[in-house]
Amino acid sequence: MRFIITGRNIVVTDALRTAVEEKLGKLDKFFASETEVHVTLGVQRERQKIEVTIPVKGHIIRSEQVSDDMYVSIDLVEEVIERQLKKYKNKIIDKKQNSADFSQEFVEEEYDEEEEVTNEGGIEIIRTKHFGIKPMYPEDACVQMELLGHNFYVFLNAETDQVNVVYKRKGNTYGLIEPEME
């Protein structure tokens, strides 16, 4: 795995770089050797935050953890990503197409940009995200939402060819929002 480590309001010291590479290096048993791991370390109001994004064909595996100690945050993020990979292994690996992004051991193992915009009405949009949208089924969108650690996910429904939203509900259930054309 190749690590791309950046810092926000923090200097990425050799000790931090080593800690990230050693802890997240444990995940190399899941991925192909050329997999890139994007790590952002940051400090916000004395809170130590780490964001890890691992793009693999068809999916983005992501986790973000915050604590009072950066080393604790690093430990937490590794545990969360490993748990996500084991939980969603069968859904994120299509043995015909996506298995090249992951290590053979993981495939065979069985496991249970920003823009600032202000409008004149007093509402301030502080972040705009752009992302590619691809057709997928609602169940796959739920898996992607879980992998990103979000509460909702926007996608193009492969069944209806319309933009839909899946969201997380109380009780570990999911909802689907479909547009109603008038």
C-alpha atoms as a PDB file:
ATOM      1  CA  MET A   1       0.000   0.000   0.000  1.00  0.00           C
ATOM      2  CA  ARG A   2       1.109   3.536  -0.754  1.00  0.00           C
ATOM      3  CA  PHE A   3       0.342   6.167   1.851  1.00  0.00           C
ATOM      4  CA  ILE A   4      -0.418   9.782   0.973  1.00  0.00           C
ATOM      5  CA  ILE A   5      -0.366  11.605   4.311  1.00  0.00           C
ATOM      6  CA  THR A   6      -1.264  15.278   4.697  1.00  0.00           C
ATOM      7  CA  GLY A   7      -1.828  17.527   7.681  1.00  0.00           C
ATOM      8  CA  ARG A   8      -4.360  20.259   8.457  1.00  0.00           C
ATOM      9  CA  ASN A   9      -3.305  22.593  11.275  1.00  0.00           C
ATOM     10  CA  ILE A  10      -0.685  20.018  12.238  1.00  0.00           C
ATOM     11  CA  VAL A  11       2.842  19.191  11.184  1.00  0.00           C
ATOM     12  CA  VAL A  12       3.098  15.551  10.124  1.00  0.00           C
ATOM     13  CA  THR A  13       6.156  14.466  12.085  1.00  0.00           C
ATOM     14  CA  ASP A  14       8.183  11.364  11.347  1.00  0.00           C
ATOM     15  CA  ALA A  15       6.701   9.769  14.477  1.00  0.00           C
ATOM     16  CA  LEU A  16       3.133  10.397  13.272  1.00  0.00           C
ATOM     17  CA  ARG A  17       3.983   9.190   9.767  1.00  0.00           C
ATOM     18  CA  THR A  18       5.508   6.004  11.214  1.00  0.00           C
ATOM     19  CA  ALA A  19       2.504   5.429  13.490  1.00  0.00           C
ATOM     20  CA  VAL A  20       0.072   5.813  10.560  1.00  0.00           C
ATOM     21  CA  GLU A  21       2.092   3.548   8.264  1.00  0.00           C
ATOM     22  CA  GLU A  22       2.545   0.866  10.939  1.00  0.00           C
ATOM     23  CA  LYS A  23      -1.060   0.841  12.155  1.00  0.00           C
ATOM     24  CA  LEU A  24      -2.752   1.178   8.776  1.00  0.00           C
ATOM     25  CA  GLY A  25      -0.083  -1.092   7.291  1.00  0.00           C
ATOM     26  CA  LYS A  26      -1.925  -3.920   9.042  1.00  0.00           C
ATOM     27  CA  LEU A  27      -4.627  -3.432   6.408  1.00  0.00           C
ATOM     28  CA  ASP A  28      -2.241  -4.446   3.606  1.00  0.00           C
ATOM     29  CA  LYS A  29      -3.440  -8.034   4.021  1.00  0.00           C
ATOM     30  CA  PHE A  30      -6.737  -6.853   2.498  1.00  0.00           C
ATOM     31  CA  PHE A  31      -5.480  -4.834  -0.479  1.00  0.00           C
ATOM     32  CA  ALA A  32      -3.301  -5.171  -3.551  1.00  0.00           C
ATOM     33  CA  SER A  33       0.190  -3.712  -3.076  1.00  0.00           C
ATOM     34  CA  GLU A  34      -0.415  -0.706  -5.376  1.00  0.00           C
ATOM     35  CA  THR A  35      -3.485   0.498  -3.426  1.00  0.00           C
ATOM     36  CA  GLU A  36      -3.307   4.155  -2.397  1.00  0.00           C
ATOM     37  CA  VAL A  37      -4.371   5.162   1.097  1.00  0.00           C
ATOM     38  CA  HIS A  38      -5.168   8.857   1.530  1.00  0.00           C
ATOM     39  CA  VAL A  39      -4.701   9.981   5.131  1.00  0.00           C
ATOM     40  CA  THR A  40      -5.424  13.459   6.473  1.00  0.00           C
ATOM     41  CA  LEU A  41      -4.411  14.305  10.016  1.00  0.00           C
ATOM     42  CA  GLY A  42      -5.907  17.418  11.565  1.00  0.00           C
ATOM     43  CA  VAL A  43      -6.401  19.363  14.755  1.00  0.00           C
ATOM     44  CA  GLN A  44      -9.658  21.201  15.471  1.00  0.00           C
ATOM     45  CA  ARG A  45     -10.162  22.839  18.864  1.00  0.00           C
ATOM     46  CA  GLU A  46      -7.743  20.440  20.549  1.00  0.00           C
ATOM     47  CA  ARG A  47      -9.466  17.436  18.974  1.00  0.00           C
ATOM     48  CA  GLN A  48      -7.166  15.103  17.039  1.00  0.00           C
ATOM     49  CA  LYS A  49      -8.818  13.917  13.822  1.00  0.00           C
ATOM     50  CA  ILE A  50      -7.777  11.377  11.201  1.00  0.00           C
ATOM     51  CA  GLU A  51      -9.566  10.807   7.905  1.00  0.00           C
ATOM     52  CA  VAL A  52      -8.686   7.757   5.821  1.00  0.00           C
ATOM     53  CA  THR A  53      -9.957   7.230   2.278  1.00  0.00           C
ATOM     54  CA  ILE A  54      -9.116   4.146   0.231  1.00  0.00           C
ATOM     55  CA  PRO A  55     -10.466   4.261  -3.314  1.00  0.00           C
ATOM     56  CA  VAL A  56     -10.884   0.834  -4.886  1.00  0.00           C
ATOM     57  CA  LYS A  57     -12.625   0.097  -8.160  1.00  0.00           C
ATOM     58  CA  GLY A  58     -16.305   0.755  -7.727  1.00  0.00           C
ATOM     59  CA  HIS A  59     -16.132   1.685  -4.021  1.00  0.00           C
ATOM     60  CA  ILE A  60     -14.610   4.114  -1.580  1.00  0.00           C
ATOM     61  CA  ILE A  61     -13.682   2.805   1.836  1.00  0.00           C
ATOM     62  CA  ARG A  62     -13.587   5.659   4.308  1.00  0.00           C
ATOM     63  CA  SER A  63     -13.434   6.319   8.005  1.00  0.00           C
ATOM     64  CA  GLU A  64     -12.944   9.368  10.155  1.00  0.00           C
ATOM     65  CA  GLN A  65     -12.133   9.280  13.860  1.00  0.00           C
ATOM     66  CA  VAL A  66     -11.661  12.009  16.460  1.00  0.00           C
ATOM     67  CA  SER A  67     -10.228  11.817  19.973  1.00  0.00           C
ATOM     68  CA  ASP A  68      -8.050  13.809  22.374  1.00  0.00           C
ATOM     69  CA  ASP A  69      -4.941  11.925  21.208  1.00  0.00           C
ATOM     70  CA  MET A  70      -3.867  11.457  17.582  1.00  0.00           C
ATOM     71  CA  TYR A  71      -2.415   8.006  18.292  1.00  0.00           C
ATOM     72  CA  VAL A  72      -5.750   6.876  19.745  1.00  0.00           C
ATOM     73  CA  SER A  73      -7.514   8.245  16.644  1.00  0.00           C
ATOM     74  CA  ILE A  74      -5.113   6.277  14.428  1.00  0.00           C
ATOM     75  CA  ASP A  75      -5.855   3.073  16.360  1.00  0.00           C
ATOM     76  CA  LEU A  76      -9.617   3.654  16.136  1.00  0.00           C
ATOM     77  CA  VAL A  77      -9.645   4.350  12.402  1.00  0.00           C
ATOM     78  CA  GLU A  78      -7.744   1.133  11.633  1.00  0.00           C
ATOM     79  CA  GLU A  79     -10.194  -0.928  13.681  1.00  0.00           C
ATOM     80  CA  VAL A  80     -13.223   0.653  11.973  1.00  0.00           C
ATOM     81  CA  ILE A  81     -11.871   0.073   8.453  1.00  0.00           C
ATOM     82  CA  GLU A  82     -10.970  -3.541   9.220  1.00  0.00           C
ATOM     83  CA  ARG A  83     -14.453  -4.139  10.648  1.00  0.00           C
ATOM     84  CA  GLN A  84     -16.057  -2.528   7.552  1.00  0.00           C
ATOM     85  CA  LEU A  85     -14.000  -4.688   5.205  1.00  0.00           C
ATOM     86  CA  LYS A  86     -14.889  -7.908   6.994  1.00  0.00           C
ATOM     87  CA  LYS A  87     -18.577  -6.999   7.313  1.00  0.00           C
ATOM     88  CA  TYR A  88     -19.066  -5.978   3.686  1.00  0.00           C
ATOM     89  CA  LYS A  89     -16.506  -8.259   2.014  1.00  0.00           C
ATOM     90  CA  ASN A  90     -19.002 -10.234  -0.048  1.00  0.00           C
ATOM     91  CA  LYS A  91     -20.770  -7.088  -1.205  1.00  0.00           C
ATOM     92  CA  ILE A  92     -17.714  -5.019  -2.170  1.00  0.00           C
ATOM     93  CA  ILE A  93     -15.847  -7.769  -3.971  1.00  0.00           C
ATOM     94  CA  ASP A  94     -17.279  -8.906  -7.256  1.00  0.00           C
ATOM     95  CA  LYS A  95     -14.970 -11.838  -7.893  1.00  0.00           C
ATOM     96  CA  LYS A  96     -15.154 -11.279 -11.646  1.00  0.00           C
ATOM     97  CA  GLN A  97     -14.289  -7.575 -11.686  1.00  0.00           C
ATOM     98  CA  ASN A  98     -13.127  -6.014  -8.439  1.00  0.00           C
ATOM     99  CA  SER A  99     -11.000  -8.727  -6.887  1.00  0.00           C
ATOM    100  CA  ALA A 100      -7.818  -7.333  -8.479  1.00  0.00           C
ATOM    101  CA  ASP A 101      -8.006  -4.387  -6.056  1.00  0.00           C
ATOM    102  CA  PHE A 102      -7.784  -6.682  -3.059  1.00  0.00           C
ATOM    103  CA  SER A 103      -5.258  -9.229  -1.867  1.00  0.00           C
ATOM    104  CA  GLN A 104      -5.914 -12.855  -2.812  1.00  0.00           C
ATOM    105  CA  GLU A 105      -5.936 -13.764   0.901  1.00  0.00           C
ATOM    106  CA  PHE A 106      -8.772 -11.301   1.576  1.00  0.00           C
ATOM    107  CA  VAL A 107     -10.773 -12.463  -1.461  1.00  0.00           C
ATOM    108  CA  GLU A 108     -10.525 -16.097  -0.380  1.00  0.00           C
ATOM    109  CA  GLU A 109     -10.961 -15.540   3.387  1.00  0.00           C
ATOM    110  CA  GLU A 110     -14.449 -15.911   4.824  1.00  0.00           C
ATOM    111  CA  TYR A 111     -15.619 -13.416   7.485  1.00  0.00           C
ATOM    112  CA  ASP A 112     -18.826 -12.993   9.252  1.00  0.00           C
ATOM    113  CA  GLU A 113     -13.130  19.287  -3.523  1.00  0.00           C
ATOM    114  CA  GLU A 114     -14.478  22.343  -1.570  1.00  0.00           C
ATOM    115  CA  GLU A 115     -15.956  25.686  -2.591  1.00  0.00           C
ATOM    116  CA  GLU A 116     -17.274  28.480  -0.436  1.00  0.00           C
ATOM    117  CA  VAL A 117     -20.555  29.966  -1.647  1.00  0.00           C
ATOM    118  CA  THR A 118     -22.777  32.541   0.038  1.00  0.00           C
ATOM    119  CA  ASN A 119     -26.214  33.562  -1.197  1.00  0.00           C
ATOM    120  CA  GLU A 120     -28.048  36.762  -0.435  1.00  0.00           C
ATOM    121  CA  GLY A 121     -30.819  35.184   1.661  1.00  0.00           C
ATOM    122  CA  GLY A 122     -28.566  34.708   4.681  1.00  0.00           C
ATOM    123  CA  ILE A 123     -28.079  30.981   4.158  1.00  0.00           C
ATOM    124  CA  GLU A 124     -24.439  30.145   3.744  1.00  0.00           C
ATOM    125  CA  ILE A 125     -23.317  27.065   1.857  1.00  0.00           C
ATOM    126  CA  ILE A 126     -19.840  26.381   3.151  1.00  0.00           C
ATOM    127  CA  ARG A 127     -19.028  23.290   1.151  1.00  0.00           C
ATOM    128  CA  THR A 128     -19.844  21.975  -2.298  1.00  0.00           C
ATOM    129  CA  LYS A 129     -18.886  18.458  -3.266  1.00  0.00           C
ATOM    130  CA  HIS A 130     -18.740  17.067  -6.778  1.00  0.00           C
ATOM    131  CA  PHE A 131     -18.838  13.343  -7.355  1.00  0.00           C
ATOM    132  CA  GLY A 132     -19.351  10.909 -10.170  1.00  0.00           C
ATOM    133  CA  ILE A 133     -22.685   9.179 -10.138  1.00  0.00           C
ATOM    134  CA  LYS A 134     -23.060   5.670 -11.472  1.00  0.00           C
ATOM    135  CA  PRO A 135     -25.992   3.307 -11.763  1.00  0.00           C
ATOM    136  CA  MET A 136     -26.406   0.919  -8.840  1.00  0.00           C
ATOM    137  CA  TYR A 137     -29.120  -0.901  -6.977  1.00  0.00           C
ATOM    138  CA  PRO A 138     -30.462   0.510  -3.684  1.00  0.00           C
ATOM    139  CA  GLU A 139     -28.889  -2.322  -1.684  1.00  0.00           C
ATOM    140  CA  ASP A 140     -25.469  -1.544  -3.198  1.00  0.00           C
ATOM    141  CA  ALA A 141     -25.990   2.144  -2.385  1.00  0.00           C
ATOM    142  CA  CYS A 142     -26.626   1.179   1.260  1.00  0.00           C
ATOM    143  CA  VAL A 143     -23.346  -0.746   1.327  1.00  0.00           C
ATOM    144  CA  GLN A 144     -21.489   2.234  -0.169  1.00  0.00           C
ATOM    145  CA  MET A 145     -23.123   4.551   2.385  1.00  0.00           C
ATOM    146  CA  GLU A 146     -21.930   2.292   5.222  1.00  0.00           C
ATOM    147  CA  LEU A 147     -18.412   2.112   3.783  1.00  0.00           C
ATOM    148  CA  LEU A 148     -18.282   5.924   3.682  1.00  0.00           C
ATOM    149  CA  GLY A 149     -19.685   6.202   7.194  1.00  0.00           C
ATOM    150  CA  HIS A 150     -22.448   8.563   6.060  1.00  0.00           C
ATOM    151  CA  ASN A 151     -26.121   8.737   7.007  1.00  0.00           C
ATOM    152  CA  PHE A 152     -27.307   9.094   3.403  1.00  0.00           C
ATOM    153  CA  TYR A 153     -26.078   8.375  -0.126  1.00  0.00           C
ATOM    154  CA  VAL A 154     -27.145   9.835  -3.485  1.00  0.00           C
ATOM    155  CA  PHE A 155     -27.038   7.461  -6.465  1.00  0.00           C
ATOM    156  CA  LEU A 156     -28.500   6.693  -9.883  1.00  0.00           C
ATOM    157  CA  ASN A 157     -30.970   3.836  -9.459  1.00  0.00           C
ATOM    158  CA  ALA A 158     -30.096   1.093 -11.976  1.00  0.00           C
ATOM    159  CA  GLU A 159     -33.709  -0.118 -11.942  1.00  0.00           C
ATOM    160  CA  THR A 160     -35.469   3.225 -12.576  1.00  0.00           C
ATOM    161  CA  ASP A 161     -32.689   5.353 -14.135  1.00  0.00           C
ATOM    162  CA  GLN A 162     -33.529   8.146 -11.655  1.00  0.00           C
ATOM    163  CA  VAL A 163     -31.502   9.849  -8.967  1.00  0.00           C
ATOM    164  CA  ASN A 164     -32.417   8.373  -5.556  1.00  0.00           C
ATOM    165  CA  VAL A 165     -31.236   8.737  -1.978  1.00  0.00           C
ATOM    166  CA  VAL A 166     -30.835   5.975   0.583  1.00  0.00           C
ATOM    167  CA  TYR A 167     -30.624   6.945   4.229  1.00  0.00           C
ATOM    168  CA  LYS A 168     -30.074   5.337   7.589  1.00  0.00           C
ATOM    169  CA  ARG A 169     -33.081   5.101   9.905  1.00  0.00           C
ATOM    170  CA  LYS A 170     -33.344   4.328  13.593  1.00  0.00           C
ATOM    171  CA  GLY A 171     -33.205   0.661  14.470  1.00  0.00           C
ATOM    172  CA  ASN A 172     -30.478  -0.105  11.909  1.00  0.00           C
ATOM    173  CA  THR A 173     -32.895   0.048   8.980  1.00  0.00           C
ATOM    174  CA  TYR A 174     -32.696   1.967   5.715  1.00  0.00           C
ATOM    175  CA  GLY A 175     -34.968   4.241   3.729  1.00  0.00           C
ATOM    176  CA  LEU A 176     -35.156   5.029   0.026  1.00  0.00           C
ATOM    177  CA  ILE A 177     -36.203   8.388  -1.429  1.00  0.00           C
ATOM    178  CA  GLU A 178     -37.443   8.315  -4.998  1.00  0.00           C
ATOM    179  CA  PRO A 179     -38.497  11.370  -6.996  1.00  0.00           C
ATOM    180  CA  GLU A 180     -42.133  11.739  -7.919  1.00  0.00           C
ATOM    181  CA  MET A 181     -42.514  13.349 -11.323  1.00  0.00           C
ATOM    182  CA  GLU A 182     -45.643  15.452 -11.787  1.00  0.00           C
END
